[in-house]
Amino acid sequence: MHVLGIESTAHTFGASVVDGSFRFLSNEKASFTSDGPGMVPREVLRFHQAHADSVLQSALKPLGPHPEKKIDAIAVSQGPGIGTLLYEGLQVAALLAAEWGVPLLGVNHAVAHLEIGRKECKAKDPVYLYVSGGNTQLLVRQEDRYAVVGETLDIGIGNLLDKSARLLGLGFPGGPLLYELSLKSQGFVELPYTVKGMDVCFSGLYTAFKSRFEKGGVEDADLAFSLQEIAFDMVCEAAERAMAHFEKDELLLAGGVACSRILQHKAKVMCEQRGARMLVPENKFLTDNGAMIAWNGLLALKSGQTPLAQDAEARPHWRADDVDVLWV
């Protein structure tokens, strides 16, 4: 048994093949970067269209000649994400599924991040801290659903980092560039810190960051350092509150922003102080990737999930807590 997974929710077009023994035979991707205005959807769409064939060919190569004869299903990220980019991936996947005569399975991008983390870290029953460009959520598994128990009330933490990096004249994606800049910091800048129970707000933090930058008199490195310190402290506080409330002794980091060494260090220290475990998969499974879609597709296939129709639509606002999780 082999499942092909296709990912295209944002700046990455990815493809991966997983077999029935739960092994990844490939995990290929191409990711859009920019030195200018960041992620402009029409530019990213052209990037996806230019790289889709080569990424797919590389992902299918381990299957040898006529890989289409060895694929049992195709899984595709149906949402959440940017509508035009989701549609592109869905269209590619639907055409291949029709040509090869295999079922097409819709995967929730957020749930895929959680499930690949659970697999790679051998997690039992954690609180999930999911942090990415458009998402900042705390989740726990409750029977056949993931329950969102805390989240951003305005923008995602990745959006905060990207907007802030763009303001400083850095490129996209902004998180790694802000981190490198922050290593040169010599001081801390006071900025707003807003946690409301297990929810967080970042728009006030960004507004203050922007104001201090435009006013001048503060080093960019100090602003970059302070922004990250505050934002990551906020999500760690909310995560600790969730762990205490739900009596969990595992915290699993998921999503591209979880690649941050600052966040990982803060989360690890917090968990150690609680006598808990901080779990985080390799970076290749944190950033958007086809492997997590293929893996979730395999779980869906084995659990009897109903395939998508060939004319299925993208679901840009599909929440993780609106997904029936049929597998154990």
C-alpha atoms as a PDB file:
ATOM      1  CA  MET A   1       0.000   0.000   0.000  1.00  0.00           C
ATOM      2  CA  HIS A   2       1.259   3.468  -0.924  1.00  0.00           C
ATOM      3  CA  VAL A   3      -0.302   6.912  -0.403  1.00  0.00           C
ATOM      4  CA  LEU A   4       0.868  10.055  -2.179  1.00  0.00           C
ATOM      5  CA  GLY A   5       0.444  13.267  -0.176  1.00  0.00           C
ATOM      6  CA  ILE A   6       0.319  16.731  -1.723  1.00  0.00           C
ATOM      7  CA  GLU A   7       0.690  19.950   0.288  1.00  0.00           C
ATOM      8  CA  SER A   8      -0.020  23.463  -1.054  1.00  0.00           C
ATOM      9  CA  THR A   9      -1.647  25.562   1.668  1.00  0.00           C
ATOM     10  CA  ALA A  10       0.838  28.449   1.629  1.00  0.00           C
ATOM     11  CA  HIS A  11       4.408  29.092   0.462  1.00  0.00           C
ATOM     12  CA  THR A  12       5.357  25.402   0.118  1.00  0.00           C
ATOM     13  CA  PHE A  13       4.456  22.876  -2.561  1.00  0.00           C
ATOM     14  CA  GLY A  14       5.310  19.468  -1.161  1.00  0.00           C
ATOM     15  CA  ALA A  15       4.814  15.821  -2.072  1.00  0.00           C
ATOM     16  CA  SER A  16       5.585  12.589  -0.245  1.00  0.00           C
ATOM     17  CA  VAL A  17       4.938   8.866  -0.463  1.00  0.00           C
ATOM     18  CA  VAL A  18       4.272   6.730   2.616  1.00  0.00           C
ATOM     19  CA  ASP A  19       3.875   2.950   2.522  1.00  0.00           C
ATOM     20  CA  GLY A  20       1.663   0.567   4.473  1.00  0.00           C
ATOM     21  CA  SER A  21       4.480  -0.093   6.950  1.00  0.00           C
ATOM     22  CA  PHE A  22       4.375   3.586   7.937  1.00  0.00           C
ATOM     23  CA  ARG A  23       7.682   4.417   6.226  1.00  0.00           C
ATOM     24  CA  PHE A  24       8.243   7.612   4.286  1.00  0.00           C
ATOM     25  CA  LEU A  25       9.790   6.779   0.932  1.00  0.00           C
ATOM     26  CA  SER A  26      10.155  10.454   0.023  1.00  0.00           C
ATOM     27  CA  ASN A  27       9.461  13.954   1.286  1.00  0.00           C
ATOM     28  CA  GLU A  28      10.120  16.542  -1.416  1.00  0.00           C
ATOM     29  CA  LYS A  29       9.201  20.206  -1.516  1.00  0.00           C
ATOM     30  CA  ALA A  30       9.864  23.624  -2.971  1.00  0.00           C
ATOM     31  CA  SER A  31       9.315  26.685  -0.772  1.00  0.00           C
ATOM     32  CA  PHE A  32       8.782  30.256  -1.917  1.00  0.00           C
ATOM     33  CA  THR A  33      11.056  32.936  -0.455  1.00  0.00           C
ATOM     34  CA  SER A  34      11.171  36.681  -1.021  1.00  0.00           C
ATOM     35  CA  ASP A  35      13.476  39.612  -0.336  1.00  0.00           C
ATOM     36  CA  GLY A  36      10.641  42.056  -0.965  1.00  0.00           C
ATOM     37  CA  PRO A  37       6.985  42.354   0.088  1.00  0.00           C
ATOM     38  CA  GLY A  38       6.630  38.859   1.531  1.00  0.00           C
ATOM     39  CA  MET A  39       4.155  36.212   0.408  1.00  0.00           C
ATOM     40  CA  VAL A  40       2.008  37.652  -2.383  1.00  0.00           C
ATOM     41  CA  PRO A  41      -0.516  34.902  -3.312  1.00  0.00           C
ATOM     42  CA  ARG A  42      -0.347  35.407  -7.086  1.00  0.00           C
ATOM     43  CA  GLU A  43       3.462  35.159  -6.989  1.00  0.00           C
ATOM     44  CA  VAL A  44       3.341  32.052  -4.810  1.00  0.00           C
ATOM     45  CA  LEU A  45       0.781  30.504  -7.172  1.00  0.00           C
ATOM     46  CA  ARG A  46       3.154  30.965 -10.098  1.00  0.00           C
ATOM     47  CA  PHE A  47       5.899  29.414  -7.986  1.00  0.00           C
ATOM     48  CA  HIS A  48       3.744  26.372  -7.224  1.00  0.00           C
ATOM     49  CA  GLN A  49       2.799  25.947 -10.860  1.00  0.00           C
ATOM     50  CA  ALA A  50       6.447  26.146 -11.901  1.00  0.00           C
ATOM     51  CA  HIS A  51       7.646  23.557  -9.355  1.00  0.00           C
ATOM     52  CA  ALA A  52       4.753  21.102  -8.990  1.00  0.00           C
ATOM     53  CA  ASP A  53       5.885  18.652 -11.692  1.00  0.00           C
ATOM     54  CA  SER A  54       9.481  18.396 -10.520  1.00  0.00           C
ATOM     55  CA  VAL A  55       8.454  17.989  -6.873  1.00  0.00           C
ATOM     56  CA  LEU A  56       5.979  15.233  -7.771  1.00  0.00           C
ATOM     57  CA  GLN A  57       8.466  13.421  -9.990  1.00  0.00           C
ATOM     58  CA  SER A  58      11.076  13.454  -7.228  1.00  0.00           C
ATOM     59  CA  ALA A  59       8.557  12.200  -4.663  1.00  0.00           C
ATOM     60  CA  LEU A  60       7.438   9.321  -6.891  1.00  0.00           C
ATOM     61  CA  LYS A  61      10.944   8.305  -7.998  1.00  0.00           C
ATOM     62  CA  PRO A  62      11.513   5.723  -5.190  1.00  0.00           C
ATOM     63  CA  LEU A  63       8.583   3.697  -6.567  1.00  0.00           C
ATOM     64  CA  GLY A  64      10.508   3.030  -9.782  1.00  0.00           C
ATOM     65  CA  PRO A  65       8.994   2.779 -13.272  1.00  0.00           C
ATOM     66  CA  HIS A  66       5.249   3.365 -13.577  1.00  0.00           C
ATOM     67  CA  PRO A  67       4.731   4.670 -10.028  1.00  0.00           C
ATOM     68  CA  GLU A  68       1.048   5.269 -10.800  1.00  0.00           C
ATOM     69  CA  LYS A  69       0.518   1.501 -10.655  1.00  0.00           C
ATOM     70  CA  LYS A  70       1.730   1.405  -7.051  1.00  0.00           C
ATOM     71  CA  ILE A  71      -0.258   4.304  -5.590  1.00  0.00           C
ATOM     72  CA  ASP A  72      -3.413   3.260  -3.732  1.00  0.00           C
ATOM     73  CA  ALA A  73      -4.701   6.741  -2.803  1.00  0.00           C
ATOM     74  CA  ILE A  74      -3.833  10.420  -3.071  1.00  0.00           C
ATOM     75  CA  ALA A  75      -4.192  12.735  -0.091  1.00  0.00           C
ATOM     76  CA  VAL A  76      -4.262  16.503  -0.465  1.00  0.00           C
ATOM     77  CA  SER A  77      -4.336  19.428   1.947  1.00  0.00           C
ATOM     78  CA  GLN A  78      -7.900  20.715   1.511  1.00  0.00           C
ATOM     79  CA  GLY A  79      -7.593  23.490   4.111  1.00  0.00           C
ATOM     80  CA  PRO A  80      -7.088  25.691   6.009  1.00  0.00           C
ATOM     81  CA  GLY A  81      -4.895  27.942   3.919  1.00  0.00           C
ATOM     82  CA  ILE A  82      -4.830  30.454   1.080  1.00  0.00           C
ATOM     83  CA  GLY A  83      -7.702  29.717  -1.298  1.00  0.00           C
ATOM     84  CA  THR A  84      -5.908  30.003  -4.646  1.00  0.00           C
ATOM     85  CA  LEU A  85      -3.005  27.874  -3.448  1.00  0.00           C
ATOM     86  CA  LEU A  86      -5.269  25.225  -1.950  1.00  0.00           C
ATOM     87  CA  TYR A  87      -7.186  25.089  -5.216  1.00  0.00           C
ATOM     88  CA  GLU A  88      -3.982  24.549  -7.193  1.00  0.00           C
ATOM     89  CA  GLY A  89      -2.953  21.571  -5.065  1.00  0.00           C
ATOM     90  CA  LEU A  90      -6.474  20.165  -5.081  1.00  0.00           C
ATOM     91  CA  GLN A  91      -6.671  20.451  -8.859  1.00  0.00           C
ATOM     92  CA  VAL A  92      -3.324  18.671  -9.328  1.00  0.00           C
ATOM     93  CA  ALA A  93      -4.339  15.904  -6.922  1.00  0.00           C
ATOM     94  CA  ALA A  94      -7.800  15.462  -8.463  1.00  0.00           C
ATOM     95  CA  LEU A  95      -6.398  15.155 -11.979  1.00  0.00           C
ATOM     96  CA  LEU A  96      -3.899  12.509 -10.870  1.00  0.00           C
ATOM     97  CA  ALA A  97      -6.536  10.600  -8.886  1.00  0.00           C
ATOM     98  CA  ALA A  98      -8.852  10.532 -11.902  1.00  0.00           C
ATOM     99  CA  GLU A  99      -6.058   9.502 -14.273  1.00  0.00           C
ATOM    100  CA  TRP A 100      -4.794   6.743 -11.986  1.00  0.00           C
ATOM    101  CA  GLY A 101      -8.216   5.584 -10.795  1.00  0.00           C
ATOM    102  CA  VAL A 102      -7.500   5.933  -7.074  1.00  0.00           C
ATOM    103  CA  PRO A 103      -9.460   7.630  -4.256  1.00  0.00           C
ATOM    104  CA  LEU A 104      -8.798  11.266  -3.401  1.00  0.00           C
ATOM    105  CA  LEU A 105      -8.692  12.040   0.331  1.00  0.00           C
ATOM    106  CA  GLY A 106      -9.059  15.523   1.813  1.00  0.00           C
ATOM    107  CA  VAL A 107      -6.724  16.273   4.726  1.00  0.00           C
ATOM    108  CA  ASN A 108      -6.972  19.077   7.251  1.00  0.00           C
ATOM    109  CA  HIS A 109      -3.594  20.815   7.241  1.00  0.00           C
ATOM    110  CA  ALA A 110      -3.682  21.627  10.965  1.00  0.00           C
ATOM    111  CA  VAL A 111      -4.618  18.089  12.006  1.00  0.00           C
ATOM    112  CA  ALA A 112      -1.840  16.767   9.759  1.00  0.00           C
ATOM    113  CA  HIS A 113       0.683  18.866  11.721  1.00  0.00           C
ATOM    114  CA  LEU A 114      -0.590  17.348  14.973  1.00  0.00           C
ATOM    115  CA  GLU A 115      -0.629  13.775  13.711  1.00  0.00           C
ATOM    116  CA  ILE A 116       2.878  13.820  12.221  1.00  0.00           C
ATOM    117  CA  GLY A 117       4.161  15.220  15.503  1.00  0.00           C
ATOM    118  CA  ARG A 118       2.384  12.527  17.496  1.00  0.00           C
ATOM    119  CA  LYS A 119       3.865   9.834  15.234  1.00  0.00           C
ATOM    120  CA  GLU A 120       7.437  11.120  15.174  1.00  0.00           C
ATOM    121  CA  CYS A 121       7.602  11.875  18.909  1.00  0.00           C
ATOM    122  CA  LYS A 122       5.618   8.820  20.036  1.00  0.00           C
ATOM    123  CA  ALA A 123       3.419  11.141  22.073  1.00  0.00           C
ATOM    124  CA  LYS A 124       0.709   9.653  24.263  1.00  0.00           C
ATOM    125  CA  ASP A 125      -1.795  12.356  25.224  1.00  0.00           C
ATOM    126  CA  PRO A 126      -0.189  15.795  25.004  1.00  0.00           C
ATOM    127  CA  VAL A 127      -1.272  19.376  24.879  1.00  0.00           C
ATOM    128  CA  TYR A 128      -0.464  20.483  21.335  1.00  0.00           C
ATOM    129  CA  LEU A 129       0.994  23.955  20.770  1.00  0.00           C
ATOM    130  CA  TYR A 130       0.404  24.615  17.075  1.00  0.00           C
ATOM    131  CA  VAL A 131       2.193  27.730  15.851  1.00  0.00           C
ATOM    132  CA  SER A 132       2.458  28.672  12.182  1.00  0.00           C
ATOM    133  CA  GLY A 133       1.979  31.578   9.791  1.00  0.00           C
ATOM    134  CA  GLY A 134      -1.770  31.825  10.135  1.00  0.00           C
ATOM    135  CA  ASN A 135      -2.390  29.728  13.246  1.00  0.00           C
ATOM    136  CA  THR A 136      -1.673  29.857  16.954  1.00  0.00           C
ATOM    137  CA  GLN A 137      -3.671  27.258  18.857  1.00  0.00           C
ATOM    138  CA  LEU A 138      -3.584  25.018  21.903  1.00  0.00           C
ATOM    139  CA  LEU A 139      -5.355  21.707  21.356  1.00  0.00           C
ATOM    140  CA  VAL A 140      -6.101  18.466  23.196  1.00  0.00           C
ATOM    141  CA  ARG A 141      -7.566  15.234  21.862  1.00  0.00           C
ATOM    142  CA  GLN A 142     -11.085  14.550  23.125  1.00  0.00           C
ATOM    143  CA  GLU A 143     -12.586  11.302  21.809  1.00  0.00           C
ATOM    144  CA  ASP A 144     -13.047  11.725  18.032  1.00  0.00           C
ATOM    145  CA  ARG A 145     -12.097  15.417  17.827  1.00  0.00           C
ATOM    146  CA  TYR A 146      -9.253  17.764  18.548  1.00  0.00           C
ATOM    147  CA  ALA A 147     -10.563  20.485  20.844  1.00  0.00           C
ATOM    148  CA  VAL A 148      -9.117  23.981  20.543  1.00  0.00           C
ATOM    149  CA  VAL A 149      -8.701  25.108  24.157  1.00  0.00           C
ATOM    150  CA  GLY A 150      -6.806  28.324  23.448  1.00  0.00           C
ATOM    151  CA  GLU A 151      -5.851  30.376  20.404  1.00  0.00           C
ATOM    152  CA  THR A 152      -4.902  33.771  19.055  1.00  0.00           C
ATOM    153  CA  LEU A 153      -7.717  36.276  19.144  1.00  0.00           C
ATOM    154  CA  ASP A 154      -6.305  38.222  16.195  1.00  0.00           C
ATOM    155  CA  ILE A 155      -3.275  37.266  14.067  1.00  0.00           C
ATOM    156  CA  GLY A 156      -1.146  34.131  14.027  1.00  0.00           C
ATOM    157  CA  ILE A 157       2.315  34.250  15.576  1.00  0.00           C
ATOM    158  CA  GLY A 158       3.950  33.490  12.226  1.00  0.00           C
ATOM    159  CA  ASN A 159       2.087  36.419  10.707  1.00  0.00           C
ATOM    160  CA  LEU A 160       3.426  38.594  13.520  1.00  0.00           C
ATOM    161  CA  LEU A 161       6.994  37.505  12.805  1.00  0.00           C
ATOM    162  CA  ASP A 162       6.657  37.946   9.036  1.00  0.00           C
ATOM    163  CA  LYS A 163       5.091  41.420   9.327  1.00  0.00           C
ATOM    164  CA  SER A 164       7.761  42.503  11.779  1.00  0.00           C
ATOM    165  CA  ALA A 165      10.599  41.178   9.624  1.00  0.00           C
ATOM    166  CA  ARG A 166       9.168  42.971   6.598  1.00  0.00           C
ATOM    167  CA  LEU A 167       9.030  46.216   8.571  1.00  0.00           C
ATOM    168  CA  LEU A 168      12.730  45.841   9.379  1.00  0.00           C
ATOM    169  CA  GLY A 169      13.536  45.305   5.698  1.00  0.00           C
ATOM    170  CA  LEU A 170      14.178  41.573   6.050  1.00  0.00           C
ATOM    171  CA  GLY A 171      12.858  38.906   3.696  1.00  0.00           C
ATOM    172  CA  PHE A 172      10.295  36.111   3.864  1.00  0.00           C
ATOM    173  CA  PRO A 173       9.907  33.880   5.787  1.00  0.00           C
ATOM    174  CA  GLY A 174      10.651  36.275   8.597  1.00  0.00           C
ATOM    175  CA  GLY A 175      11.114  34.038  11.647  1.00  0.00           C
ATOM    176  CA  PRO A 176      14.629  32.720  10.895  1.00  0.00           C
ATOM    177  CA  LEU A 177      15.816  36.178   9.805  1.00  0.00           C
ATOM    178  CA  LEU A 178      14.502  37.813  12.981  1.00  0.00           C
ATOM    179  CA  TYR A 179      16.304  35.159  15.023  1.00  0.00           C
ATOM    180  CA  GLU A 180      19.634  35.810  13.290  1.00  0.00           C
ATOM    181  CA  LEU A 181      19.212  39.546  13.801  1.00  0.00           C
ATOM    182  CA  SER A 182      18.309  39.092  17.465  1.00  0.00           C
ATOM    183  CA  LEU A 183      21.663  37.406  18.140  1.00  0.00           C
ATOM    184  CA  LYS A 184      23.228  40.876  17.817  1.00  0.00           C
ATOM    185  CA  SER A 185      20.967  42.385  20.484  1.00  0.00           C
ATOM    186  CA  GLN A 186      22.432  44.278  23.427  1.00  0.00           C
ATOM    187  CA  GLY A 187      19.227  45.247  25.212  1.00  0.00           C
ATOM    188  CA  PHE A 188      15.532  44.683  25.845  1.00  0.00           C
ATOM    189  CA  VAL A 189      12.678  46.916  24.666  1.00  0.00           C
ATOM    190  CA  GLU A 190       9.436  47.012  26.659  1.00  0.00           C
ATOM    191  CA  LEU A 191       6.493  45.907  24.486  1.00  0.00           C
ATOM    192  CA  PRO A 192       2.896  44.797  25.313  1.00  0.00           C
ATOM    193  CA  TYR A 193       2.307  41.313  26.701  1.00  0.00           C
ATOM    194  CA  THR A 194      -1.279  40.083  26.293  1.00  0.00           C
ATOM    195  CA  VAL A 195      -2.462  36.682  27.539  1.00  0.00           C
ATOM    196  CA  LYS A 196      -6.123  36.075  28.359  1.00  0.00           C
ATOM    197  CA  GLY A 197      -6.433  32.713  30.041  1.00  0.00           C
ATOM    198  CA  MET A 198      -5.333  30.273  27.344  1.00  0.00           C
ATOM    199  CA  ASP A 199      -5.817  32.816  24.541  1.00  0.00           C
ATOM    200  CA  VAL A 200      -3.274  35.315  23.248  1.00  0.00           C
ATOM    201  CA  CYS A 201      -3.333  38.581  21.269  1.00  0.00           C
ATOM    202  CA  PHE A 202      -0.512  39.772  19.038  1.00  0.00           C
ATOM    203  CA  SER A 203      -1.878  42.827  17.211  1.00  0.00           C
ATOM    204  CA  GLY A 204      -1.073  45.200  20.096  1.00  0.00           C
ATOM    205  CA  LEU A 205       2.446  43.782  20.267  1.00  0.00           C
ATOM    206  CA  TYR A 206       2.950  44.425  16.563  1.00  0.00           C
ATOM    207  CA  THR A 207       1.499  47.943  16.750  1.00  0.00           C
ATOM    208  CA  ALA A 208       3.883  48.856  19.575  1.00  0.00           C
ATOM    209  CA  PHE A 209       6.795  47.220  17.728  1.00  0.00           C
ATOM    210  CA  LYS A 210       5.967  49.267  14.621  1.00  0.00           C
ATOM    211  CA  SER A 211       5.654  52.473  16.642  1.00  0.00           C
ATOM    212  CA  ARG A 212       9.033  51.995  18.346  1.00  0.00           C
ATOM    213  CA  PHE A 213      10.676  51.229  15.004  1.00  0.00           C
ATOM    214  CA  GLU A 214       9.217  54.308  13.298  1.00  0.00           C
ATOM    215  CA  LYS A 215      10.067  56.556  16.249  1.00  0.00           C
ATOM    216  CA  GLY A 216      13.728  55.533  15.995  1.00  0.00           C
ATOM    217  CA  GLY A 217      16.403  55.508  18.631  1.00  0.00           C
ATOM    218  CA  VAL A 218      16.201  51.742  19.142  1.00  0.00           C
ATOM    219  CA  GLU A 219      18.446  49.149  17.520  1.00  0.00           C
ATOM    220  CA  ASP A 220      16.678  46.784  15.109  1.00  0.00           C
ATOM    221  CA  ALA A 221      18.381  43.826  16.801  1.00  0.00           C
ATOM    222  CA  ASP A 222      16.958  44.844  20.184  1.00  0.00           C
ATOM    223  CA  LEU A 223      13.466  45.108  18.687  1.00  0.00           C
ATOM    224  CA  ALA A 224      13.807  41.691  17.034  1.00  0.00           C
ATOM    225  CA  PHE A 225      15.046  40.135  20.280  1.00  0.00           C
ATOM    226  CA  SER A 226      12.320  41.697  22.421  1.00  0.00           C
ATOM    227  CA  LEU A 227       9.507  40.807  20.037  1.00  0.00           C
ATOM    228  CA  GLN A 228      10.452  37.130  20.052  1.00  0.00           C
ATOM    229  CA  GLU A 229      11.026  36.994  23.797  1.00  0.00           C
ATOM    230  CA  ILE A 230       7.583  38.419  24.502  1.00  0.00           C
ATOM    231  CA  ALA A 231       5.654  36.492  21.841  1.00  0.00           C
ATOM    232  CA  PHE A 232       7.150  33.141  22.816  1.00  0.00           C
ATOM    233  CA  ASP A 233       6.714  33.819  26.538  1.00  0.00           C
ATOM    234  CA  MET A 234       3.040  34.480  25.830  1.00  0.00           C
ATOM    235  CA  VAL A 235       2.399  31.158  24.114  1.00  0.00           C
ATOM    236  CA  CYS A 236       4.413  29.261  26.722  1.00  0.00           C
ATOM    237  CA  GLU A 237       2.362  30.794  29.535  1.00  0.00           C
ATOM    238  CA  ALA A 238      -0.866  29.832  27.777  1.00  0.00           C
ATOM    239  CA  ALA A 239       0.487  26.329  27.116  1.00  0.00           C
ATOM    240  CA  GLU A 240       1.460  25.828  30.752  1.00  0.00           C
ATOM    241  CA  ARG A 241      -2.007  26.884  31.842  1.00  0.00           C
ATOM    242  CA  ALA A 242      -3.514  24.333  29.439  1.00  0.00           C
ATOM    243  CA  MET A 243      -1.228  21.585  30.767  1.00  0.00           C
ATOM    244  CA  ALA A 244      -2.259  22.383  34.332  1.00  0.00           C
ATOM    245  CA  HIS A 245      -5.963  22.620  33.519  1.00  0.00           C
ATOM    246  CA  PHE A 246      -6.104  19.334  31.604  1.00  0.00           C
ATOM    247  CA  GLU A 247      -3.522  17.594  33.825  1.00  0.00           C
ATOM    248  CA  LYS A 248      -1.196  16.716  30.923  1.00  0.00           C
ATOM    249  CA  ASP A 249       2.473  15.853  31.295  1.00  0.00           C
ATOM    250  CA  GLU A 250       3.428  16.251  27.620  1.00  0.00           C
ATOM    251  CA  LEU A 251       3.641  19.338  25.432  1.00  0.00           C
ATOM    252  CA  LEU A 252       4.050  18.738  21.706  1.00  0.00           C
ATOM    253  CA  LEU A 253       5.165  21.593  19.453  1.00  0.00           C
ATOM    254  CA  ALA A 254       3.770  21.659  15.915  1.00  0.00           C
ATOM    255  CA  GLY A 255       3.918  24.018  12.936  1.00  0.00           C
ATOM    256  CA  GLY A 256       6.672  25.941  11.213  1.00  0.00           C
ATOM    257  CA  VAL A 257       7.193  28.527  13.963  1.00  0.00           C
ATOM    258  CA  ALA A 258       8.034  25.645  16.319  1.00  0.00           C
ATOM    259  CA  CYS A 259      11.416  25.478  14.527  1.00  0.00           C
ATOM    260  CA  SER A 260      12.396  28.497  16.638  1.00  0.00           C
ATOM    261  CA  ARG A 261      15.244  27.673  18.997  1.00  0.00           C
ATOM    262  CA  ILE A 262      13.945  30.355  21.352  1.00  0.00           C
ATOM    263  CA  LEU A 263      10.495  28.792  21.589  1.00  0.00           C
ATOM    264  CA  GLN A 264      11.904  25.287  21.973  1.00  0.00           C
ATOM    265  CA  HIS A 265      14.187  26.419  24.808  1.00  0.00           C
ATOM    266  CA  LYS A 266      11.418  28.251  26.646  1.00  0.00           C
ATOM    267  CA  ALA A 267       9.006  25.330  26.266  1.00  0.00           C
ATOM    268  CA  LYS A 268      11.639  22.849  27.437  1.00  0.00           C
ATOM    269  CA  VAL A 269      12.464  24.876  30.550  1.00  0.00           C
ATOM    270  CA  MET A 270       8.776  25.274  31.383  1.00  0.00           C
ATOM    271  CA  CYS A 271       8.129  21.545  30.982  1.00  0.00           C
ATOM    272  CA  GLU A 272      11.165  20.557  33.043  1.00  0.00           C
ATOM    273  CA  GLN A 273       9.973  22.789  35.869  1.00  0.00           C
ATOM    274  CA  ARG A 274       6.620  20.957  35.743  1.00  0.00           C
ATOM    275  CA  GLY A 275       8.181  17.493  35.563  1.00  0.00           C
ATOM    276  CA  ALA A 276       6.715  17.130  32.067  1.00  0.00           C
ATOM    277  CA  ARG A 277       8.099  16.296  28.620  1.00  0.00           C
ATOM    278  CA  MET A 278       8.514  18.779  25.778  1.00  0.00           C
ATOM    279  CA  LEU A 279       8.247  16.976  22.443  1.00  0.00           C
ATOM    280  CA  VAL A 280       9.211  18.374  19.051  1.00  0.00           C
ATOM    281  CA  PRO A 281       9.759  16.527  15.747  1.00  0.00           C
ATOM    282  CA  GLU A 282      12.547  17.310  13.288  1.00  0.00           C
ATOM    283  CA  ASN A 283      12.291  20.609  11.435  1.00  0.00           C
ATOM    284  CA  LYS A 284      11.412  18.827   8.181  1.00  0.00           C
ATOM    285  CA  PHE A 285       8.174  17.682   9.850  1.00  0.00           C
ATOM    286  CA  LEU A 286       7.460  21.079  11.456  1.00  0.00           C
ATOM    287  CA  THR A 287       7.529  23.225   8.346  1.00  0.00           C
ATOM    288  CA  ASP A 288       4.814  22.528   5.770  1.00  0.00           C
ATOM    289  CA  ASN A 289       5.552  19.228   4.038  1.00  0.00           C
ATOM    290  CA  GLY A 290       3.963  16.500   1.963  1.00  0.00           C
ATOM    291  CA  ALA A 291       4.865  13.753   4.448  1.00  0.00           C
ATOM    292  CA  MET A 292       2.335  14.926   7.009  1.00  0.00           C
ATOM    293  CA  ILE A 293      -0.375  14.960   4.344  1.00  0.00           C
ATOM    294  CA  ALA A 294       0.592  11.479   3.118  1.00  0.00           C
ATOM    295  CA  TRP A 295       0.646  10.189   6.703  1.00  0.00           C
ATOM    296  CA  ASN A 296      -2.749  11.654   7.530  1.00  0.00           C
ATOM    297  CA  GLY A 297      -4.031  10.266   4.215  1.00  0.00           C
ATOM    298  CA  LEU A 298      -2.840   6.787   5.161  1.00  0.00           C
ATOM    299  CA  LEU A 299      -4.613   7.050   8.533  1.00  0.00           C
ATOM    300  CA  ALA A 300      -7.765   8.244   6.763  1.00  0.00           C
ATOM    301  CA  LEU A 301      -7.590   5.453   4.199  1.00  0.00           C
ATOM    302  CA  LYS A 302      -7.164   2.754   6.847  1.00  0.00           C
ATOM    303  CA  SER A 303     -10.048   4.172   8.901  1.00  0.00           C
ATOM    304  CA  GLY A 304     -12.441   4.190   5.939  1.00  0.00           C
ATOM    305  CA  GLN A 305     -12.728   7.936   5.361  1.00  0.00           C
ATOM    306  CA  THR A 306     -15.083   8.798   2.495  1.00  0.00           C
ATOM    307  CA  PRO A 307     -13.102   9.947  -0.580  1.00  0.00           C
ATOM    308  CA  LEU A 308     -13.632  13.388  -2.075  1.00  0.00           C
ATOM    309  CA  ALA A 309     -15.600  13.919  -5.247  1.00  0.00           C
ATOM    310  CA  GLN A 310     -13.571  15.009  -8.261  1.00  0.00           C
ATOM    311  CA  ASP A 311     -15.130  18.483  -8.076  1.00  0.00           C
ATOM    312  CA  ALA A 312     -14.487  18.924  -4.329  1.00  0.00           C
ATOM    313  CA  GLU A 313     -13.763  22.481  -3.245  1.00  0.00           C
ATOM    314  CA  ALA A 314     -10.968  23.881  -1.121  1.00  0.00           C
ATOM    315  CA  ARG A 315     -11.802  24.796   2.490  1.00  0.00           C
ATOM    316  CA  PRO A 316      -9.678  27.852   3.396  1.00  0.00           C
ATOM    317  CA  HIS A 317     -11.256  28.250   6.843  1.00  0.00           C
ATOM    318  CA  TRP A 318     -11.491  24.569   7.837  1.00  0.00           C
ATOM    319  CA  ARG A 319     -10.688  24.388  11.558  1.00  0.00           C
ATOM    320  CA  ALA A 320      -8.972  21.495  13.294  1.00  0.00           C
ATOM    321  CA  ASP A 321     -11.855  21.175  15.761  1.00  0.00           C
ATOM    322  CA  ASP A 322     -14.258  20.600  12.875  1.00  0.00           C
ATOM    323  CA  VAL A 323     -12.589  17.348  11.765  1.00  0.00           C
ATOM    324  CA  ASP A 324     -13.820  13.852  12.593  1.00  0.00           C
ATOM    325  CA  VAL A 325     -10.703  12.004  13.775  1.00  0.00           C
ATOM    326  CA  LEU A 326     -11.679   8.428  13.026  1.00  0.00           C
ATOM    327  CA  TRP A 327      -8.336   6.744  13.717  1.00  0.00           C
ATOM    328  CA  VAL A 328      -6.772   5.867  17.062  1.00  0.00           C
END
